[in-house]
Protein backbone atom coordinates (compact mmCIF):
# COMPACT_ATOMS: atom_id res chain seq x y z
CA MET A 1 60.73 162.83 97.29
CA SER A 2 63.74 161.75 95.21
CA ILE A 3 67.04 163.57 95.48
CA ASN A 4 66.84 164.99 91.97
CA ARG A 5 63.28 166.25 92.45
CA GLU A 6 64.29 167.94 95.71
CA ILE A 7 67.34 169.47 94.02
CA LEU A 8 65.17 170.88 91.25
CA ARG A 9 62.55 172.14 93.72
CA LEU A 10 65.21 174.25 95.40
CA ALA A 11 67.38 175.05 92.39
CA ILE A 12 64.82 176.20 89.82
CA PRO A 13 63.54 179.23 91.79
CA SER A 14 67.15 180.31 92.40
CA ILE A 15 68.01 179.91 88.73
CA LEU A 16 64.97 181.92 87.65
CA ALA A 17 66.05 184.69 89.99
CA ASN A 18 69.75 184.45 89.19
CA ILE A 19 69.39 184.70 85.43
CA THR A 20 68.03 188.22 85.87
CA ILE A 21 71.12 189.28 87.87
CA PRO A 22 73.60 189.28 84.96
CA LEU A 23 70.91 190.72 82.73
CA VAL A 24 71.01 193.83 84.91
CA GLY A 25 74.73 194.18 84.37
CA LEU A 26 74.38 193.47 80.67
CA VAL A 27 71.62 196.08 80.33
CA ASP A 28 73.81 198.60 82.18
CA MET A 29 76.67 197.89 79.80
CA ALA A 30 74.36 198.02 76.78
CA ILE A 31 72.91 201.38 77.88
CA ALA A 32 76.41 202.82 78.26
CA GLY A 33 77.57 201.24 75.02
CA HIS A 34 74.77 202.82 73.00
CA ILE A 35 74.54 206.28 74.60
CA ALA A 36 78.23 206.84 75.37
CA ASP A 37 81.72 205.54 74.59
CA ALA A 38 84.30 203.05 75.89
CA ALA A 39 85.13 205.37 78.82
CA ALA A 40 81.54 205.13 80.04
CA ILE A 41 81.56 201.33 79.81
CA GLY A 42 84.90 201.24 81.58
CA GLY A 43 83.57 203.65 84.21
CA ILE A 44 80.66 201.37 85.03
CA ALA A 45 83.01 198.37 85.06
CA ILE A 46 85.37 200.07 87.52
CA GLY A 47 82.47 201.41 89.60
CA THR A 48 80.94 197.95 89.78
CA MET A 49 84.34 196.56 90.73
CA LEU A 50 84.54 199.00 93.65
CA PHE A 51 81.23 197.71 94.98
CA ASP A 52 82.42 194.16 94.49
CA LEU A 53 85.43 195.16 96.57
CA LEU A 54 83.10 196.29 99.36
CA TYR A 55 80.32 193.74 99.12
CA TRP A 56 82.44 190.61 98.69
CA ASN A 57 83.85 191.37 102.13
CA PHE A 58 80.29 190.95 103.42
CA GLY A 59 79.60 187.80 101.43
CA PHE A 60 79.78 185.80 104.64
CA LEU A 61 76.41 187.31 105.62
CA ARG A 62 74.58 185.22 103.06
CA VAL A 63 76.87 182.21 103.12
CA SER A 64 77.20 181.59 106.85
CA THR A 65 73.56 182.44 107.51
CA SER A 66 72.49 179.90 104.89
CA GLY A 67 74.62 177.01 106.16
CA LEU A 68 74.04 177.56 109.87
CA THR A 69 70.31 178.17 109.46
CA ALA A 70 69.97 175.01 107.34
CA GLN A 71 71.59 172.92 110.07
CA ALA A 72 69.39 174.52 112.75
CA PHE A 73 66.38 173.80 110.52
CA GLY A 74 67.47 170.16 110.28
CA ARG A 75 67.65 170.00 114.09
CA ASP A 76 64.20 171.63 114.31
CA ASP A 77 65.75 174.43 116.40
CA GLN A 78 63.58 177.42 115.47
CA ASN A 79 65.10 179.71 118.11
CA GLU A 80 68.58 179.25 116.63
CA CYS A 81 67.15 179.96 113.15
CA ASN A 82 65.76 183.25 114.47
CA VAL A 83 69.04 184.11 116.22
CA GLN A 84 70.96 183.61 112.98
CA LEU A 85 68.75 186.09 111.11
CA GLN A 86 68.84 188.68 113.88
CA HIS A 87 72.62 188.45 114.12
CA ALA A 88 73.08 188.71 110.33
CA LEU A 89 70.83 191.77 110.03
CA LYS A 90 72.71 193.56 112.82
CA ILE A 91 76.02 192.99 111.03
CA ALA A 92 74.45 194.13 107.74
CA LEU A 93 73.25 197.44 109.14
CA LEU A 94 76.49 198.15 110.99
CA GLY A 95 78.47 197.30 107.86
CA ALA A 96 76.33 199.62 105.73
CA LEU A 97 76.84 202.44 108.24
CA GLY A 98 80.60 201.93 108.02
CA ILE A 99 80.50 202.03 104.21
CA LEU A 100 78.54 205.29 104.19
CA VAL A 101 80.97 206.89 106.66
CA VAL A 102 84.08 206.07 104.61
CA GLN A 103 82.63 206.43 101.10
CA TRP A 104 84.61 209.53 100.07
CA ILE A 105 87.90 208.22 101.43
CA PHE A 106 87.35 204.80 99.87
CA VAL A 107 86.52 205.95 96.35
CA THR A 108 89.34 208.51 96.31
CA VAL A 109 91.99 206.03 97.43
CA ALA A 110 90.64 203.23 95.21
CA LEU A 111 90.73 205.33 92.04
CA LYS A 112 94.32 206.35 92.76
CA ILE A 113 95.29 202.69 92.98
CA VAL A 114 93.27 201.29 90.07
CA PRO A 115 95.00 202.02 86.74
CA CYS A 116 92.50 203.77 84.44
CA SER A 117 92.20 206.91 82.35
CA PRO A 118 90.93 210.18 83.88
CA GLU A 119 87.71 209.87 81.88
CA VAL A 120 87.02 206.38 83.26
CA ALA A 121 87.92 207.50 86.79
CA GLU A 122 85.45 210.40 86.67
CA GLN A 123 82.62 208.18 85.41
CA SER A 124 83.42 205.65 88.15
CA ARG A 125 83.40 208.29 90.89
CA ARG A 126 80.01 209.66 89.86
CA TYR A 127 78.56 206.14 89.64
CA PHE A 128 79.95 205.11 93.04
CA LEU A 129 78.82 208.16 95.02
CA VAL A 130 75.21 207.57 93.98
CA ARG A 131 75.01 203.80 94.22
CA VAL A 132 76.65 203.69 97.65
CA TRP A 133 73.36 204.81 99.23
CA ALA A 134 71.88 201.42 98.39
CA SER A 135 74.30 199.66 100.78
CA PRO A 136 71.88 199.29 103.75
CA ALA A 137 69.36 197.54 101.51
CA THR A 138 71.97 195.47 99.67
CA LEU A 139 73.63 194.07 102.79
CA SER A 140 70.30 193.40 104.49
CA LEU A 141 69.21 191.44 101.43
CA PHE A 142 72.38 189.33 101.75
CA ALA A 143 71.28 188.31 105.24
CA LEU A 144 67.64 187.70 104.33
CA LYS A 145 68.49 185.67 101.24
CA GLY A 146 70.84 183.40 103.17
CA TRP A 147 68.23 182.87 105.87
CA PHE A 148 65.47 182.01 103.39
CA ILE A 149 67.73 179.46 101.68
CA GLY A 150 68.65 177.91 105.01
CA MET A 151 64.94 177.54 105.77
CA GLN A 152 64.63 175.46 102.54
CA ASP A 153 62.74 178.36 100.96
CA THR A 154 64.21 179.44 97.64
CA THR A 155 60.92 180.91 96.41
CA SER A 156 61.09 184.01 98.62
CA PRO A 157 64.59 185.04 97.48
CA MET A 158 63.52 184.26 93.90
CA LEU A 159 60.63 186.71 94.11
CA THR A 160 62.85 189.31 95.77
CA ASP A 161 65.68 188.97 93.27
CA MET A 162 63.39 189.04 90.27
CA VAL A 163 61.65 192.20 91.47
CA VAL A 164 65.00 193.84 92.27
CA ASN A 165 66.44 193.02 88.89
CA VAL A 166 63.41 193.95 86.82
CA VAL A 167 63.06 197.26 88.69
CA ASN A 168 66.81 197.80 88.25
CA MET A 169 66.67 197.36 84.49
CA VAL A 170 63.60 199.55 84.03
CA ALA A 171 64.73 202.27 86.43
CA SER A 172 68.30 202.32 85.08
CA TYR A 173 67.03 202.71 81.52
CA TRP A 174 64.60 205.46 82.52
CA PHE A 175 67.13 207.46 84.56
CA ALA A 176 69.91 207.06 81.96
CA VAL A 177 67.91 207.59 78.75
CA CYS A 178 64.85 209.62 79.72
CA THR A 179 66.48 212.12 82.10
CA PRO A 180 69.54 214.42 81.84
CA LEU A 181 71.49 212.16 84.22
CA GLY A 182 73.03 210.10 81.41
CA VAL A 183 75.15 207.09 82.34
CA VAL A 184 75.11 207.90 86.07
CA GLY A 185 71.36 207.24 85.94
CA VAL A 186 72.25 203.55 86.02
CA ALA A 187 73.37 204.04 89.64
CA TYR A 188 70.10 205.75 90.59
CA GLY A 189 68.23 202.79 89.13
CA THR A 190 70.20 200.43 91.37
CA VAL A 191 69.38 202.41 94.52
CA VAL A 192 65.66 202.38 93.75
CA ALA A 193 65.73 198.66 92.98
CA GLN A 194 67.61 197.61 96.11
CA PHE A 195 65.23 199.37 98.49
CA THR A 196 62.25 198.02 96.58
CA GLY A 197 63.66 194.52 97.06
CA LEU A 198 64.25 195.08 100.78
CA LEU A 199 60.64 196.16 101.29
CA LEU A 200 59.43 193.04 99.49
CA ALA A 201 61.75 190.72 101.44
CA VAL A 202 60.61 192.15 104.78
CA GLY A 203 57.03 191.77 103.65
CA LEU A 204 57.61 188.11 102.75
CA LEU A 205 59.28 187.53 106.11
CA ALA A 206 56.36 189.10 107.99
CA GLY A 207 53.82 187.15 105.95
CA LYS A 208 55.41 183.68 105.88
CA TYR A 209 57.41 183.69 109.13
CA LYS A 210 55.37 185.86 111.49
CA THR A 211 56.94 184.50 114.67
CA THR A 212 60.46 185.13 113.38
CA PHE A 213 59.54 188.64 112.25
CA VAL A 214 58.13 189.53 115.68
CA GLN A 215 61.11 188.03 117.52
CA LEU A 216 63.57 190.08 115.48
CA PHE A 217 62.76 192.99 117.79
CA ARG A 218 63.42 191.01 120.97
CA PRO A 219 66.75 189.93 122.52
CA LEU A 220 67.22 186.30 121.49
CA GLY A 221 70.67 185.67 122.90
CA LYS A 222 74.00 185.17 121.18
CA PRO A 223 74.55 182.92 118.14
CA GLN A 224 76.57 179.73 118.48
CA THR A 225 80.34 180.11 118.94
CA LYS A 226 80.65 178.27 115.63
CA THR A 227 79.00 181.25 113.93
CA ILE A 228 81.86 183.61 114.78
CA GLY A 229 84.55 181.22 113.57
CA MET A 230 82.68 180.54 110.36
CA ASN A 231 82.22 184.25 109.67
CA VAL A 232 85.95 184.86 110.15
CA ASP A 233 86.81 182.04 107.72
CA LEU A 234 84.34 183.35 105.16
CA PHE A 235 85.59 186.92 105.55
CA ILE A 236 89.10 185.72 104.68
CA ARG A 237 87.62 183.78 101.77
CA SER A 238 85.87 186.96 100.58
CA ILE A 239 89.15 188.87 100.61
CA CYS A 240 90.69 186.17 98.42
CA PHE A 241 87.74 186.37 96.04
CA MET A 242 88.31 190.09 95.93
CA ILE A 243 91.96 189.60 94.98
CA VAL A 244 90.95 187.41 92.05
CA TYR A 245 87.87 189.18 90.70
CA ILE A 246 88.98 192.74 91.40
CA GLY A 247 92.39 191.76 90.09
CA TYR A 248 90.82 190.60 86.84
CA THR A 249 89.25 194.01 86.20
CA SER A 250 92.07 196.20 87.47
CA LEU A 251 94.74 194.24 85.59
CA SER A 252 92.64 194.34 82.41
CA ALA A 253 92.50 198.14 82.77
CA ARG A 254 96.30 198.24 82.33
CA TYR A 255 95.85 197.38 78.66
CA GLY A 256 93.56 200.28 77.72
CA ASP A 257 89.90 201.26 77.79
CA GLU A 258 88.88 199.00 74.88
CA GLU A 259 90.53 195.92 76.34
CA LEU A 260 88.92 196.71 79.70
CA ALA A 261 85.50 197.07 78.08
CA ILE A 262 85.78 193.81 76.13
CA SER A 263 87.15 191.82 79.07
CA SER A 264 84.32 193.22 81.21
CA LEU A 265 81.78 192.02 78.66
CA VAL A 266 83.42 188.59 78.67
CA MET A 267 83.25 188.42 82.47
CA LYS A 268 79.57 189.38 82.39
CA LEU A 269 78.90 186.48 80.01
CA PHE A 270 80.93 184.11 82.11
CA MET A 271 79.08 185.15 85.26
CA LEU A 272 75.85 184.32 83.46
CA VAL A 273 76.96 180.68 83.65
CA SER A 274 77.76 180.97 87.33
CA TYR A 275 74.28 182.19 88.12
CA PHE A 276 72.77 179.05 86.58
CA ILE A 277 75.18 176.84 88.48
CA ASP A 278 74.65 178.83 91.67
CA GLY A 279 71.01 177.73 91.64
CA PHE A 280 72.21 174.17 92.22
CA ALA A 281 74.87 175.37 94.66
CA PHE A 282 72.13 177.04 96.73
CA ALA A 283 70.18 173.77 96.65
CA GLY A 284 73.35 172.07 97.88
CA GLU A 285 73.69 174.54 100.76
CA ALA A 286 70.13 173.91 101.90
CA MET A 287 70.08 170.13 101.44
CA VAL A 288 73.56 169.34 102.75
CA GLY A 289 72.98 171.64 105.72
CA ARG A 290 69.68 169.95 106.50
CA PHE A 291 71.35 166.55 106.12
CA PHE A 292 73.99 167.36 108.71
CA GLY A 293 71.41 168.94 111.01
CA GLU A 294 69.21 165.85 110.89
CA ARG A 295 72.19 163.65 111.67
CA GLN A 296 72.45 165.54 114.96
CA VAL A 297 69.06 164.12 115.98
CA SER A 298 69.71 160.74 114.42
CA LYS A 299 67.48 161.28 111.38
CA THR A 300 68.75 160.60 107.87
CA THR A 301 66.52 161.26 104.87
CA MET A 302 68.95 160.88 101.98
CA SER A 303 72.39 159.72 101.03
CA CYS A 304 74.87 162.61 101.09
CA ARG A 305 77.04 160.81 98.56
CA SER A 306 74.15 160.50 96.11
CA LEU A 307 73.30 164.15 96.66
CA VAL A 308 76.85 165.28 95.89
CA LEU A 309 77.01 163.17 92.72
CA SER A 310 73.62 164.44 91.55
CA LEU A 311 74.60 168.07 92.10
CA HIS A 312 77.78 167.64 90.09
CA GLY A 313 75.87 165.86 87.34
CA TRP A 314 73.38 168.69 86.92
CA CYS A 315 76.14 171.28 86.84
CA ALA A 316 78.22 169.35 84.32
CA GLY A 317 75.24 169.35 81.98
CA ILE A 318 74.74 173.11 82.35
CA ALA A 319 78.44 173.77 81.77
CA LEU A 320 78.42 171.73 78.57
CA LEU A 321 75.37 173.57 77.23
CA PHE A 322 77.00 176.96 77.82
CA ALA A 323 80.28 175.81 76.31
CA LEU A 324 78.41 174.92 73.11
CA LEU A 325 76.44 178.18 73.19
CA PHE A 326 79.61 180.26 73.45
CA TYR A 327 81.40 178.19 70.82
CA PHE A 328 78.74 178.85 68.20
CA PHE A 329 77.34 182.25 69.24
CA GLY A 330 79.88 183.92 71.55
CA ILE A 331 80.86 186.76 69.21
CA ASP A 332 77.24 187.34 68.16
CA ILE A 333 76.24 187.83 71.79
CA MET A 334 79.06 190.36 72.24
CA ARG A 335 77.88 192.22 69.14
CA ILE A 336 74.42 192.68 70.65
CA LEU A 337 75.92 194.35 73.70
CA TRP A 338 78.39 196.70 72.03
CA ASN A 339 78.20 198.37 68.64
CA ASP A 340 81.90 199.27 68.29
CA MET A 341 82.80 196.85 65.50
CA THR A 342 86.51 197.74 65.51
CA ALA A 343 86.86 196.74 69.15
CA LEU A 344 84.71 193.65 68.72
CA VAL A 345 87.19 192.23 66.22
CA GLN A 346 89.38 191.58 69.27
CA GLY A 347 86.48 189.70 70.86
CA TRP A 348 87.32 186.65 68.73
CA ASN A 349 90.40 186.16 70.90
CA TYR A 350 88.15 185.66 73.94
CA VAL A 351 85.78 183.04 72.52
CA PRO A 352 88.01 180.03 73.41
CA TRP A 353 88.10 181.24 77.01
CA LEU A 354 84.32 181.54 77.08
CA VAL A 355 84.07 177.94 75.90
CA LEU A 356 86.50 176.53 78.49
CA MET A 357 85.53 178.53 81.55
CA PRO A 358 82.10 176.91 82.21
CA LEU A 359 83.62 173.43 82.07
CA VAL A 360 86.35 174.32 84.55
CA SER A 361 84.30 176.50 86.88
CA ALA A 362 81.28 174.20 87.40
CA PRO A 363 82.96 171.84 89.93
CA ALA A 364 84.35 174.75 91.98
CA PHE A 365 81.00 176.53 92.23
CA ILE A 366 79.04 173.44 93.22
CA TRP A 367 81.66 172.36 95.76
CA ASP A 368 81.29 175.77 97.41
CA GLY A 369 77.60 175.10 98.00
CA ILE A 370 78.27 171.64 99.38
CA TYR A 371 80.98 172.81 101.79
CA ILE A 372 78.81 175.74 102.94
CA GLY A 373 75.98 173.36 103.79
CA ALA A 374 78.44 171.24 105.75
CA THR A 375 79.65 174.47 107.47
CA ALA A 376 83.19 173.40 106.58
CA SER A 377 84.32 176.99 106.27
CA ASP A 378 88.00 176.26 106.89
CA SER A 379 88.22 174.12 103.75
CA ILE A 380 86.68 176.68 101.40
CA ARG A 381 88.79 179.37 103.08
CA ASN A 382 91.97 177.43 102.35
CA ALA A 383 90.86 176.66 98.80
CA MET A 384 90.50 180.38 98.06
CA ILE A 385 93.78 181.27 99.73
CA TYR A 386 95.65 178.79 97.51
CA SER A 387 93.75 179.77 94.37
CA ALA A 388 94.31 183.51 94.98
CA ILE A 389 98.03 182.82 95.36
CA GLY A 390 97.85 180.84 92.12
CA PHE A 391 96.09 183.71 90.33
CA VAL A 392 98.76 186.22 91.34
CA GLY A 393 101.62 183.80 90.65
CA VAL A 394 100.47 182.81 87.16
CA TYR A 395 99.88 186.43 86.18
CA MET A 396 103.33 187.50 87.36
CA MET A 397 104.95 184.67 85.42
CA LEU A 398 103.14 185.51 82.17
CA MET A 399 102.55 189.28 82.31
CA HIS A 400 105.61 190.20 80.25
CA ARG A 401 105.02 187.58 77.56
CA MET A 402 101.26 187.21 77.12
CA GLY A 403 99.79 190.72 77.47
CA ILE A 404 96.15 190.71 78.55
CA GLU A 405 95.95 186.94 78.02
CA ALA A 406 98.06 186.60 81.15
CA VAL A 407 95.00 187.80 83.10
CA LEU A 408 92.88 185.07 81.53
CA TYR A 409 95.46 182.35 82.19
CA ALA A 410 95.65 183.50 85.82
CA TYR A 411 91.87 183.42 86.23
CA PHE A 412 91.71 179.96 84.65
CA ALA A 413 94.47 178.73 87.00
CA HIS A 414 92.58 179.87 90.10
CA LEU A 415 89.53 177.83 89.02
CA VAL A 416 91.60 174.70 88.41
CA LEU A 417 93.22 175.00 91.83
CA ARG A 418 89.82 175.30 93.51
CA ASP A 419 88.55 172.22 91.64
CA ILE A 420 91.51 170.11 92.67
CA TYR A 421 91.66 171.16 96.31
CA LEU A 422 87.95 170.91 97.08
CA THR A 423 87.61 167.54 95.33
CA TYR A 424 90.60 166.16 97.19
CA LYS A 425 89.45 167.42 100.60
CA TRP A 426 85.81 166.32 100.49
CA LYS A 427 86.13 162.81 101.94
CA SER A 428 88.14 163.90 104.98
CA THR A 429 85.93 166.95 105.43
CA TYR A 430 82.77 164.84 105.30
CA ASP A 431 84.14 162.34 107.81
CA ARG A 432 85.16 165.13 110.18
CA GLN A 433 81.88 167.05 109.94
CA ILE A 434 79.64 164.01 110.28
CA SER A 435 81.67 162.84 113.26
CA THR A 436 81.25 166.26 114.89
CA SER A 437 77.53 166.21 114.16
CA SER A 438 77.12 162.80 115.71
CA VAL A 439 78.92 163.92 118.89
CA GLU A 440 76.81 167.08 119.13
CA GLY A 441 73.62 165.13 118.59
CA ALA A 442 74.45 162.46 121.17
């Protein structure tokens, strides 16, 4: 099978699943925008940000499980594949328990720190205290999704994600519009959807990987030492992501509810691009991980250089298509999602950013997938440390002169820094990782 056909085999299911993810957020925003006011939209944006704050810290569950499982798959080490899933699910359940224990303290402290109006804060609190009960399912799905991808199976997470997101949209609409719950019904919809997805994922695991499912309930031993180090690196990386993405929302809130609502809509549209590109990044995780794993047993099925070039080529094409889409229809898409025409006049100021962001972000997103497959966690950790510093630095330099545009310049700067660093480091990283693989496989 050619490299491009293999990329598409793995990427297309992930893309089909991923495109429903931002649709959930867009439907949530649209529901709030049509049944309530800017405070409700801002409340959902802040509430979502609080979960990003929590869940990004557990992003390593999916990422490390994917890369390490893919390499074990390449080595044909099924026991290590099973150990990785068991270990990830244990961390997921312990993490969810911790979140439930500290939920009241967390939301109270967070809303005192995040600058927003009392109306937005109240909406956020109500949203958070309902949705938090989905955390056991959400974190477990992180682990299961990463494991499926590492096993070169992107169909199972596709089915799970699509069911989660369709149920989320339908349930959120029903709870918010057809019951007295109002906007907080969106949170109830999320809880129902996450547990529905977990049941489906466990069912797929039991049906397609019976041996793994049975062995989950048996002691399999400890994961590789490399697993712990990689999880630490990725936890630090997650904190840096949090600084950037949470910073984007919280800093936007400084400029008023309308600016927060519009900037949140813009971020939702921008993340739509990332979900397309992430499909190819997931393919990169699986294929690069398998490549390095096979090197450990002296088997090579494809050129890693050709794979990297092909992945970047596909993502460049997607970025260009979205840049053109936003150039011609950006403001029209915003108008569909929010019917406050006075506020949408300001949306014109954001269109140039929508056009540029896909072109700048595509290399960073695809490099992440490649480095994860290579289990080069130190490099992507360092890239995010430098880019988070860049985000903060650029905002501080421009905050008194540019207003809310300083937030956009800072976000743009963090993407550019990631592009430069990861591109520069790849050759030395590849040489180091392939050398390590050859020694381990000897």
